[in-house]
C-alpha atoms as a PDB file:
ATOM      1  CA  MET A   1       7.731  72.966 103.256  1.00  0.00           C
ATOM      2  CA  LYS A   2       5.980  74.462 100.237  1.00  0.00           C
ATOM      3  CA  LEU A   3       6.442  78.432 100.935  1.00  0.00           C
ATOM      4  CA  PHE A   4       4.863  81.220  98.313  1.00  0.00           C
ATOM      5  CA  GLN A   5       6.593  84.577  97.642  1.00  0.00           C
ATOM      6  CA  SER A   6       5.262  87.817  97.647  1.00  0.00           C
ATOM      7  CA  LYS A   7       5.663  89.766  95.033  1.00  0.00           C
ATOM      8  CA  PHE A   8       6.813  92.570  96.886  1.00  0.00           C
ATOM      9  CA  SER A   9      10.647  92.024  97.758  1.00  0.00           C
ATOM     10  CA  ARG A  10       9.896  93.734 101.043  1.00  0.00           C
ATOM     11  CA  ARG A  11       8.020  90.729 101.891  1.00  0.00           C
ATOM     12  CA  SER A  12       9.766  87.525 103.487  1.00  0.00           C
ATOM     13  CA  ILE A  13       9.040  83.940 103.277  1.00  0.00           C
ATOM     14  CA  VAL A  14       8.772  80.939 105.614  1.00  0.00           C
ATOM     15  CA  ALA A  15      11.329  78.639 104.675  1.00  0.00           C
ATOM     16  CA  GLY A  16      13.300  75.533 106.333  1.00  0.00           C
ATOM     17  CA  ALA A  17      12.416  72.654 108.402  1.00  0.00           C
ATOM     18  CA  ALA A  18      11.222  75.459 111.046  1.00  0.00           C
ATOM     19  CA  PHE A  19       7.767  77.056 110.293  1.00  0.00           C
ATOM     20  CA  GLY A  20       9.367  80.429 110.804  1.00  0.00           C
ATOM     21  CA  ALA A  21      12.548  80.673 109.269  1.00  0.00           C
ATOM     22  CA  LEU A  22      13.250  83.292 107.663  1.00  0.00           C
ATOM     23  CA  THR A  23      15.220  84.305 104.196  1.00  0.00           C
ATOM     24  CA  LYS A  24      17.484  87.335 104.811  1.00  0.00           C
ATOM     25  CA  GLY A  25      14.784  89.604 103.297  1.00  0.00           C
ATOM     26  CA  ALA A  26      12.902  89.430 107.004  1.00  0.00           C
ATOM     27  CA  ALA A  27      15.271  91.237 108.323  1.00  0.00           C
ATOM     28  CA  ARG A  28      13.339  93.841 109.417  1.00  0.00           C
ATOM     29  CA  ALA A  29      13.050  96.865 113.091  1.00  0.00           C
ATOM     30  CA  ALA A  30      11.756  94.553 115.513  1.00  0.00           C
ATOM     31  CA  THR A  31       9.634  97.109 116.233  1.00  0.00           C
ATOM     32  CA  LYS A  32       7.815  96.662 112.704  1.00  0.00           C
ATOM     33  CA  ALA A  33       4.808  94.591 112.615  1.00  0.00           C
ATOM     34  CA  ARG A  34       4.963  91.156 110.875  1.00  0.00           C
ATOM     35  CA  ALA A  35       1.820  88.872 109.785  1.00  0.00           C
ATOM     36  CA  LEU A  36       1.988  85.047 109.081  1.00  0.00           C
ATOM     37  CA  ALA A  37      -0.742  83.739 107.141  1.00  0.00           C
ATOM     38  CA  LEU A  38      -1.722  80.340 107.043  1.00  0.00           C
ATOM     39  CA  ILE A  39      -3.390  80.021 103.558  1.00  0.00           C
ATOM     40  CA  GLY A  40      -5.098  77.409 101.519  1.00  0.00           C
ATOM     41  CA  ASP A  41      -6.792  73.864 101.541  1.00  0.00           C
ATOM     42  CA  ARG A  42      -8.440  71.248  98.964  1.00  0.00           C
ATOM     43  CA  TYR A  43     -11.289  73.939  98.011  1.00  0.00           C
ATOM     44  CA  HIS A  44      -9.198  77.166  98.330  1.00  0.00           C
ATOM     45  CA  ASN A  45      -6.547  77.358  96.234  1.00  0.00           C
ATOM     46  CA  PRO A  46      -3.681  79.414  98.418  1.00  0.00           C
ATOM     47  CA  ASP A  47      -2.943  81.705  95.049  1.00  0.00           C
ATOM     48  CA  TYR A  48      -5.431  83.397  95.603  1.00  0.00           C
ATOM     49  CA  ILE A  49      -5.374  84.305  98.945  1.00  0.00           C
ATOM     50  CA  ARG A  50      -1.880  84.873  98.659  1.00  0.00           C
ATOM     51  CA  VAL A  51      -3.042  87.581  95.560  1.00  0.00           C
ATOM     52  CA  SER A  52      -6.134  88.699  98.238  1.00  0.00           C
ATOM     53  CA  LEU A  53      -3.960  89.451 100.773  1.00  0.00           C
ATOM     54  CA  ASP A  54      -1.215  90.856  99.610  1.00  0.00           C
ATOM     55  CA  LYS A  55      -3.235  93.975  98.268  1.00  0.00           C
ATOM     56  CA  VAL A  56      -4.610  94.676 102.298  1.00  0.00           C
ATOM     57  CA  PHE A  57      -0.929  93.976 103.411  1.00  0.00           C
ATOM     58  CA  ASP A  58       0.598  96.566 100.419  1.00  0.00           C
ATOM     59  CA  GLU A  59      -1.160  99.324 100.853  1.00  0.00           C
ATOM     60  CA  LEU A  60      -0.821  99.329 105.134  1.00  0.00           C
ATOM     61  CA  ASN A  61       2.869  98.328 103.776  1.00  0.00           C
ATOM     62  CA  ILE A  62       3.298  95.643 106.627  1.00  0.00           C
ATOM     63  CA  GLY A  63       4.873  92.639 106.028  1.00  0.00           C
ATOM     64  CA  ILE A  64       3.473  89.323 105.472  1.00  0.00           C
ATOM     65  CA  ASP A  65       4.454  86.051 105.351  1.00  0.00           C
ATOM     66  CA  TYR A  66       2.845  83.280 103.687  1.00  0.00           C
ATOM     67  CA  THR A  67       2.812  79.022 103.816  1.00  0.00           C
ATOM     68  CA  ILE A  68       0.457  76.264 103.722  1.00  0.00           C
ATOM     69  CA  ASP A  69       2.820  74.206 106.021  1.00  0.00           C
ATOM     70  CA  TYR A  70      -0.121  73.677 108.830  1.00  0.00           C
ATOM     71  CA  ALA A  71       2.121  70.831 110.727  1.00  0.00           C
ATOM     72  CA  GLY A  72       4.502  73.162 111.371  1.00  0.00           C
ATOM     73  CA  LEU A  73       2.300  75.562 113.165  1.00  0.00           C
ATOM     74  CA  SER A  74       3.099  75.692 116.978  1.00  0.00           C
ATOM     75  CA  ALA A  75       4.036  78.253 119.975  1.00  0.00           C
ATOM     76  CA  ALA A  76       7.800  78.482 118.661  1.00  0.00           C
ATOM     77  CA  SER A  77       6.700  79.471 115.098  1.00  0.00           C
ATOM     78  CA  LEU A  78       4.207  82.207 116.025  1.00  0.00           C
ATOM     79  CA  ARG A  79       7.144  84.122 118.159  1.00  0.00           C
ATOM     80  CA  PRO A  80       8.514  86.124 115.538  1.00  0.00           C
ATOM     81  CA  TYR A  81       5.277  87.752 114.785  1.00  0.00           C
ATOM     82  CA  GLN A  82       2.488  89.864 115.833  1.00  0.00           C
ATOM     83  CA  LEU A  83      -0.162  89.227 114.035  1.00  0.00           C
ATOM     84  CA  LEU A  84      -1.656  85.359 112.601  1.00  0.00           C
ATOM     85  CA  LEU A  85      -4.160  85.133 110.084  1.00  0.00           C
ATOM     86  CA  ILE A  86      -5.449  81.489 108.429  1.00  0.00           C
ATOM     87  CA  LEU A  87      -8.022  80.751 105.310  1.00  0.00           C
ATOM     88  CA  ARG A  88      -8.050  77.848 105.230  1.00  0.00           C
ATOM     89  CA  ASP A  89      -9.853  75.162 106.534  1.00  0.00           C
ATOM     90  CA  GLY A  90      -9.522  71.935 108.832  1.00  0.00           C
ATOM     91  CA  MET A  91      -9.477  68.966 106.895  1.00  0.00           C
ATOM     92  CA  ILE A  92      -6.604  66.808 105.589  1.00  0.00           C
ATOM     93  CA  TRP A  93      -6.994  64.083 103.196  1.00  0.00           C
ATOM     94  CA  PRO A  94      -3.845  61.343 103.478  1.00  0.00           C
ATOM     95  CA  GLY A  95      -5.203  59.081 101.364  1.00  0.00           C
ATOM     96  CA  GLY A  96      -5.799  61.422  98.206  1.00  0.00           C
ATOM     97  CA  TYR A  97      -8.275  62.797  96.405  1.00  0.00           C
ATOM     98  CA  SER A  98      -9.206  63.379  92.282  1.00  0.00           C
ATOM     99  CA  GLY A  99     -10.818  66.923  92.411  1.00  0.00           C
ATOM    100  CA  PRO A 100     -12.027  69.188  92.584  1.00  0.00           C
ATOM    101  CA  ASP A 101     -11.524  70.085  88.840  1.00  0.00           C
ATOM    102  CA  ALA A 102     -12.530  71.772  86.784  1.00  0.00           C
ATOM    103  CA  TYR A 103     -12.917  69.763  84.281  1.00  0.00           C
ATOM    104  CA  THR A 104     -14.783  66.806  85.661  1.00  0.00           C
ATOM    105  CA  ALA A 105     -14.690  64.649  83.034  1.00  0.00           C
ATOM    106  CA  TYR A 106     -11.562  64.168  83.660  1.00  0.00           C
ATOM    107  CA  GLU A 107     -11.646  62.800  86.960  1.00  0.00           C
ATOM    108  CA  GLY A 108     -14.645  60.292  85.642  1.00  0.00           C
ATOM    109  CA  ASP A 109     -12.626  58.884  82.631  1.00  0.00           C
ATOM    110  CA  LEU A 110      -9.774  58.061  84.758  1.00  0.00           C
ATOM    111  CA  GLU A 111      -8.493  54.274  83.129  1.00  0.00           C
ATOM    112  CA  ASN A 112      -7.393  53.338  86.523  1.00  0.00           C
ATOM    113  CA  ALA A 113     -10.657  54.440  88.467  1.00  0.00           C
ATOM    114  CA  ALA A 114     -10.366  51.501  91.107  1.00  0.00           C
ATOM    115  CA  GLU A 115      -6.829  52.579  92.314  1.00  0.00           C
ATOM    116  CA  PHE A 116      -8.435  55.607  93.429  1.00  0.00           C
ATOM    117  CA  PRO A 117     -10.823  55.197  96.510  1.00  0.00           C
ATOM    118  CA  PRO A 118     -13.527  57.495  97.655  1.00  0.00           C
ATOM    119  CA  PRO A 119     -11.316  60.251  99.516  1.00  0.00           C
ATOM    120  CA  LYS A 120     -11.543  60.451 103.280  1.00  0.00           C
ATOM    121  CA  SER A 121     -10.879  63.690 104.834  1.00  0.00           C
ATOM    122  CA  VAL A 122      -8.688  64.326 108.765  1.00  0.00           C
ATOM    123  CA  MET A 123      -8.686  67.069 110.659  1.00  0.00           C
ATOM    124  CA  TRP A 124      -5.602  68.454 111.233  1.00  0.00           C
ATOM    125  CA  MET A 125      -5.276  70.969 114.415  1.00  0.00           C
ATOM    126  CA  THR A 126      -4.218  69.663 117.436  1.00  0.00           C
ATOM    127  CA  GLU A 127      -5.013  70.691 120.662  1.00  0.00           C
ATOM    128  CA  ASP A 128      -1.423  71.403 121.707  1.00  0.00           C
ATOM    129  CA  GLN A 129      -1.499  73.712 118.264  1.00  0.00           C
ATOM    130  CA  GLY A 130      -5.210  75.532 119.383  1.00  0.00           C
ATOM    131  CA  MET A 131      -3.781  76.487 122.703  1.00  0.00           C
ATOM    132  CA  ALA A 132      -0.350  77.856 120.580  1.00  0.00           C
ATOM    133  CA  ILE A 133      -3.058  80.020 119.182  1.00  0.00           C
ATOM    134  CA  LYS A 134      -4.625  80.619 122.638  1.00  0.00           C
ATOM    135  CA  SER A 135      -1.564  81.669 124.307  1.00  0.00           C
ATOM    136  CA  PHE A 136      -0.478  83.559 121.058  1.00  0.00           C
ATOM    137  CA  VAL A 137      -3.054  86.142 121.544  1.00  0.00           C
ATOM    138  CA  GLU A 138      -3.398  85.812 125.333  1.00  0.00           C
ATOM    139  CA  ALA A 139       0.335  87.786 125.409  1.00  0.00           C
ATOM    140  CA  GLY A 140      -0.681  90.184 123.210  1.00  0.00           C
ATOM    141  CA  GLY A 141      -0.787  88.634 119.468  1.00  0.00           C
ATOM    142  CA  GLY A 142      -3.663  89.250 117.213  1.00  0.00           C
ATOM    143  CA  PHE A 143      -5.593  86.413 115.550  1.00  0.00           C
ATOM    144  CA  TYR A 144      -7.223  86.951 112.376  1.00  0.00           C
ATOM    145  CA  PRO A 145      -9.089  84.029 110.990  1.00  0.00           C
ATOM    146  CA  LEU A 146     -11.211  84.730 107.341  1.00  0.00           C
ATOM    147  CA  HIS A 147     -13.851  82.679 105.828  1.00  0.00           C
ATOM    148  CA  ASN A 148     -13.309  78.824 105.928  1.00  0.00           C
ATOM    149  CA  ALA A 149     -11.308  79.485 108.914  1.00  0.00           C
ATOM    150  CA  SER A 150     -13.864  78.781 111.124  1.00  0.00           C
ATOM    151  CA  HIS A 151     -14.248  75.097 110.151  1.00  0.00           C
ATOM    152  CA  ILE A 152     -11.212  74.249 112.435  1.00  0.00           C
ATOM    153  CA  SER A 153     -13.532  75.099 115.363  1.00  0.00           C
ATOM    154  CA  LEU A 154     -15.040  71.142 114.844  1.00  0.00           C
ATOM    155  CA  SER A 155     -12.057  69.646 115.232  1.00  0.00           C
ATOM    156  CA  SER A 156     -10.146  72.130 118.889  1.00  0.00           C
ATOM    157  CA  ARG A 157     -11.869  72.865 121.726  1.00  0.00           C
ATOM    158  CA  ASN A 158      -8.833  75.610 122.520  1.00  0.00           C
ATOM    159  CA  TYR A 159      -8.935  76.759 118.794  1.00  0.00           C
ATOM    160  CA  ARG A 160     -12.523  77.697 119.205  1.00  0.00           C
ATOM    161  CA  GLU A 161     -12.676  79.150 122.435  1.00  0.00           C
ATOM    162  CA  VAL A 162     -10.576  81.776 121.003  1.00  0.00           C
ATOM    163  CA  MET A 163     -11.588  81.995 117.503  1.00  0.00           C
ATOM    164  CA  GLY A 164     -15.063  82.706 118.850  1.00  0.00           C
ATOM    165  CA  GLY A 165     -17.293  80.413 117.046  1.00  0.00           C
ATOM    166  CA  ALA A 166     -17.682  77.591 114.232  1.00  0.00           C
ATOM    167  CA  TYR A 167     -18.993  76.692 110.904  1.00  0.00           C
ATOM    168  CA  PHE A 168     -22.139  75.131 110.236  1.00  0.00           C
ATOM    169  CA  GLY A 169     -22.033  75.286 106.398  1.00  0.00           C
ATOM    170  CA  HIS A 170     -22.849  76.770 103.435  1.00  0.00           C
ATOM    171  CA  PRO A 171     -25.347  77.025 100.475  1.00  0.00           C
ATOM    172  CA  PRO A 172     -23.597  77.601  96.593  1.00  0.00           C
ATOM    173  CA  LEU A 173     -21.958  80.807  95.772  1.00  0.00           C
ATOM    174  CA  ARG A 174     -25.129  83.195  95.511  1.00  0.00           C
ATOM    175  CA  PRO A 175     -25.144  87.337  96.312  1.00  0.00           C
ATOM    176  CA  PHE A 176     -26.276  88.254  99.586  1.00  0.00           C
ATOM    177  CA  GLN A 177     -25.646  91.881 101.619  1.00  0.00           C
ATOM    178  CA  VAL A 178     -23.217  91.807 104.547  1.00  0.00           C
ATOM    179  CA  HIS A 179     -23.825  94.982 106.722  1.00  0.00           C
ATOM    180  CA  ALA A 180     -22.948  95.818 110.060  1.00  0.00           C
ATOM    181  CA  THR A 181     -24.497  95.635 113.024  1.00  0.00           C
ATOM    182  CA  ALA A 182     -25.946  97.517 115.421  1.00  0.00           C
ATOM    183  CA  ASN A 183     -22.748  97.293 117.623  1.00  0.00           C
ATOM    184  CA  ALA A 184     -20.564 100.262 117.409  1.00  0.00           C
ATOM    185  CA  HIS A 185     -17.106  98.968 116.515  1.00  0.00           C
ATOM    186  CA  PRO A 186     -13.950 101.027 114.737  1.00  0.00           C
ATOM    187  CA  ILE A 187     -13.877  98.356 112.428  1.00  0.00           C
ATOM    188  CA  THR A 188     -17.559  99.010 111.165  1.00  0.00           C
ATOM    189  CA  GLU A 189     -17.969 102.602 111.358  1.00  0.00           C
ATOM    190  CA  GLY A 190     -19.500 104.558 108.606  1.00  0.00           C
ATOM    191  CA  MET A 191     -19.678 101.444 106.170  1.00  0.00           C
ATOM    192  CA  LYS A 192     -22.011 101.215 103.536  1.00  0.00           C
ATOM    193  CA  PRO A 193     -23.741  97.646 103.257  1.00  0.00           C
ATOM    194  CA  PHE A 194     -22.514  95.645  99.675  1.00  0.00           C
ATOM    195  CA  ILE A 195     -23.463  92.912  97.858  1.00  0.00           C
ATOM    196  CA  VAL A 196     -21.113  89.851  97.137  1.00  0.00           C
ATOM    197  CA  ASN A 197     -21.408  86.568  94.910  1.00  0.00           C
ATOM    198  CA  ASP A 198     -19.718  84.767  97.363  1.00  0.00           C
ATOM    199  CA  GLU A 199     -20.201  82.029  99.722  1.00  0.00           C
ATOM    200  CA  GLN A 200     -22.944  83.226 102.334  1.00  0.00           C
ATOM    201  CA  HIS A 201     -21.353  81.108 105.387  1.00  0.00           C
ATOM    202  CA  TYR A 202     -23.705  80.488 108.114  1.00  0.00           C
ATOM    203  CA  VAL A 203     -21.779  79.796 111.772  1.00  0.00           C
ATOM    204  CA  ASP A 204     -23.011  79.400 115.248  1.00  0.00           C
ATOM    205  CA  TYR A 205     -21.187  82.271 117.478  1.00  0.00           C
ATOM    206  CA  ASP A 206     -20.303  80.938 120.956  1.00  0.00           C
ATOM    207  CA  LYS A 207     -19.265  84.813 122.422  1.00  0.00           C
ATOM    208  CA  ASP A 208     -21.255  88.240 124.444  1.00  0.00           C
ATOM    209  CA  PRO A 209     -23.552  89.288 121.019  1.00  0.00           C
ATOM    210  CA  ARG A 210     -22.429  92.491 121.911  1.00  0.00           C
ATOM    211  CA  TYR A 211     -19.350  91.536 119.689  1.00  0.00           C
ATOM    212  CA  VAL A 212     -20.708  90.700 116.699  1.00  0.00           C
ATOM    213  CA  ILE A 213     -19.712  93.419 114.300  1.00  0.00           C
ATOM    214  CA  LEU A 214     -21.480  91.772 110.764  1.00  0.00           C
ATOM    215  CA  GLU A 215     -23.847  89.647 109.702  1.00  0.00           C
ATOM    216  CA  SER A 216     -24.720  88.521 106.521  1.00  0.00           C
ATOM    217  CA  GLU A 217     -27.907  88.498 104.298  1.00  0.00           C
ATOM    218  CA  ASN A 218     -29.631  87.138 101.414  1.00  0.00           C
ATOM    219  CA  LEU A 219     -31.986  89.591 100.172  1.00  0.00           C
ATOM    220  CA  ASP A 220     -34.413  87.245  97.858  1.00  0.00           C
ATOM    221  CA  GLY A 221     -35.486  85.481 100.995  1.00  0.00           C
ATOM    222  CA  LEU A 222     -32.715  82.053 100.226  1.00  0.00           C
ATOM    223  CA  THR A 223     -32.255  79.924 102.961  1.00  0.00           C
ATOM    224  CA  TYR A 224     -30.272  77.698 104.175  1.00  0.00           C
ATOM    225  CA  GLU A 225     -30.954  74.880 106.030  1.00  0.00           C
ATOM    226  CA  GLY A 226     -33.480  75.826 108.333  1.00  0.00           C
ATOM    227  CA  ARG A 227     -31.378  78.629 109.210  1.00  0.00           C
ATOM    228  CA  GLY A 228     -33.329  81.403 107.952  1.00  0.00           C
ATOM    229  CA  THR A 229     -31.169  84.337 105.118  1.00  0.00           C
ATOM    230  CA  LYS A 230     -28.634  85.796 107.952  1.00  0.00           C
ATOM    231  CA  SER A 231     -26.096  84.107 109.684  1.00  0.00           C
ATOM    232  CA  PRO A 232     -23.261  86.329 111.985  1.00  0.00           C
ATOM    233  CA  ALA A 233     -20.871  87.583 109.242  1.00  0.00           C
ATOM    234  CA  GLY A 234     -17.556  88.459 112.036  1.00  0.00           C
ATOM    235  CA  TRP A 235     -17.345  89.108 114.974  1.00  0.00           C
ATOM    236  CA  ALA A 236     -14.312  91.753 117.330  1.00  0.00           C
ATOM    237  CA  TYR A 237     -13.450  91.185 120.406  1.00  0.00           C
ATOM    238  CA  ASP A 238     -10.008  91.509 122.810  1.00  0.00           C
ATOM    239  CA  TYR A 239      -8.924  87.794 124.498  1.00  0.00           C
ATOM    240  CA  GLY A 240      -6.825  88.945 126.859  1.00  0.00           C
ATOM    241  CA  LYS A 241      -3.727  91.056 125.771  1.00  0.00           C
ATOM    242  CA  GLY A 242      -4.399  90.432 122.546  1.00  0.00           C
ATOM    243  CA  ARG A 243      -7.232  90.827 119.562  1.00  0.00           C
ATOM    244  CA  VAL A 244      -9.297  88.953 118.046  1.00  0.00           C
ATOM    245  CA  VAL A 245     -11.851  89.229 114.532  1.00  0.00           C
ATOM    246  CA  PHE A 246     -13.345  87.245 112.250  1.00  0.00           C
ATOM    247  CA  THR A 247     -14.767  88.054 109.045  1.00  0.00           C
ATOM    248  CA  ALA A 248     -16.416  85.209 106.611  1.00  0.00           C
ATOM    249  CA  VAL A 249     -16.677  86.338 103.317  1.00  0.00           C
ATOM    250  CA  GLY A 250     -14.016  85.203 101.306  1.00  0.00           C
ATOM    251  CA  HIS A 251     -14.289  82.090  99.009  1.00  0.00           C
ATOM    252  CA  THR A 252     -13.170  84.184  95.954  1.00  0.00           C
ATOM    253  CA  ILE A 253     -11.267  86.952  94.841  1.00  0.00           C
ATOM    254  CA  HIS A 254     -13.160  89.190  93.194  1.00  0.00           C
ATOM    255  CA  ALA A 255     -15.741  88.593  96.865  1.00  0.00           C
ATOM    256  CA  MET A 256     -12.221  89.688  99.142  1.00  0.00           C
ATOM    257  CA  TRP A 257     -11.407  93.000  96.765  1.00  0.00           C
ATOM    258  CA  ASN A 258     -14.980  94.390  97.173  1.00  0.00           C
ATOM    259  CA  PRO A 259     -14.058  97.907  97.905  1.00  0.00           C
ATOM    260  CA  GLN A 260     -15.921  97.951 101.126  1.00  0.00           C
ATOM    261  CA  TYR A 261     -14.698  94.123 102.281  1.00  0.00           C
ATOM    262  CA  LEU A 262     -11.420  95.461 101.328  1.00  0.00           C
ATOM    263  CA  GLU A 263     -11.983  98.327 103.080  1.00  0.00           C
ATOM    264  CA  LEU A 264     -13.207  96.222 106.664  1.00  0.00           C
ATOM    265  CA  GLN A 265      -9.710  93.885 106.343  1.00  0.00           C
ATOM    266  CA  LYS A 266      -7.708  97.007 106.692  1.00  0.00           C
ATOM    267  CA  ARG A 267      -9.515  98.002 109.534  1.00  0.00           C
ATOM    268  CA  SER A 268      -9.213  95.079 110.728  1.00  0.00           C
ATOM    269  CA  VAL A 269      -5.900  94.098 110.760  1.00  0.00           C
ATOM    270  CA  ARG A 270      -4.910  97.607 112.154  1.00  0.00           C
ATOM    271  CA  TRP A 271      -7.508  97.143 114.795  1.00  0.00           C
ATOM    272  CA  LEU A 272      -5.430  93.675 115.797  1.00  0.00           C
ATOM    273  CA  LEU A 273      -2.570  95.594 115.503  1.00  0.00           C
ATOM    274  CA  LYS A 274      -3.788  98.483 117.874  1.00  0.00           C
ATOM    275  CA  ASP A 275      -3.719 101.179 115.466  1.00  0.00           C
ATOM    276  CA  LEU A 276      -7.440 101.733 115.096  1.00  0.00           C
END
């Protein structure tokens, strides 16, 4: 299992064969909230995600553990936590791939290019894993899927049921506005619209429209795949005894650290932990 240690010593690391096995740094009071973040995929370097979320959780003084071990996600691995975050998509590439790479010529000029067949993705989440997340939230846990975590819904019925929607697609990086909807919510109370240069994710939302709290809009009139200039960009609702929040921004660290979005992330975490 590959792990990422926070720069803050008070945060622990997920280690060992069990997804939830912790180092001695995780010896915290049982009453203190702890979060687990499953991060990183082919297109999203886990390091920028960890650095981004460190800022959020350090300012909230909440411990967070990071892992890239998607296969270890289970009901047992979630048991020590009160909050689960996911920022990764639903794909793995067991046959390998040559990119993405900042130096694309390296890929094109491989001496043994024939040994690298076209990459083929498969989906990693099982229905048992989707049910583990669903049960975790129903029992009182908080679930915060960010950005491309909506893509996982394309492969798991149970995951989509609790997450609330599914990825459709996105255009290349471009500026767009994120603003609160007319649906009042503590997470978006008093927020001002903000502009990010990010992937504007277009998502299909499955639940009651009154739970949509954020919308993205391209103010230049640019559309995507016949879906117009706008898309739901965030929602929040109670699910069983727990809560779910989704926010769509998150492809770059400068978007994650936009001051307004940073505040939204902190409020989302607090609301999920029933502290707001």
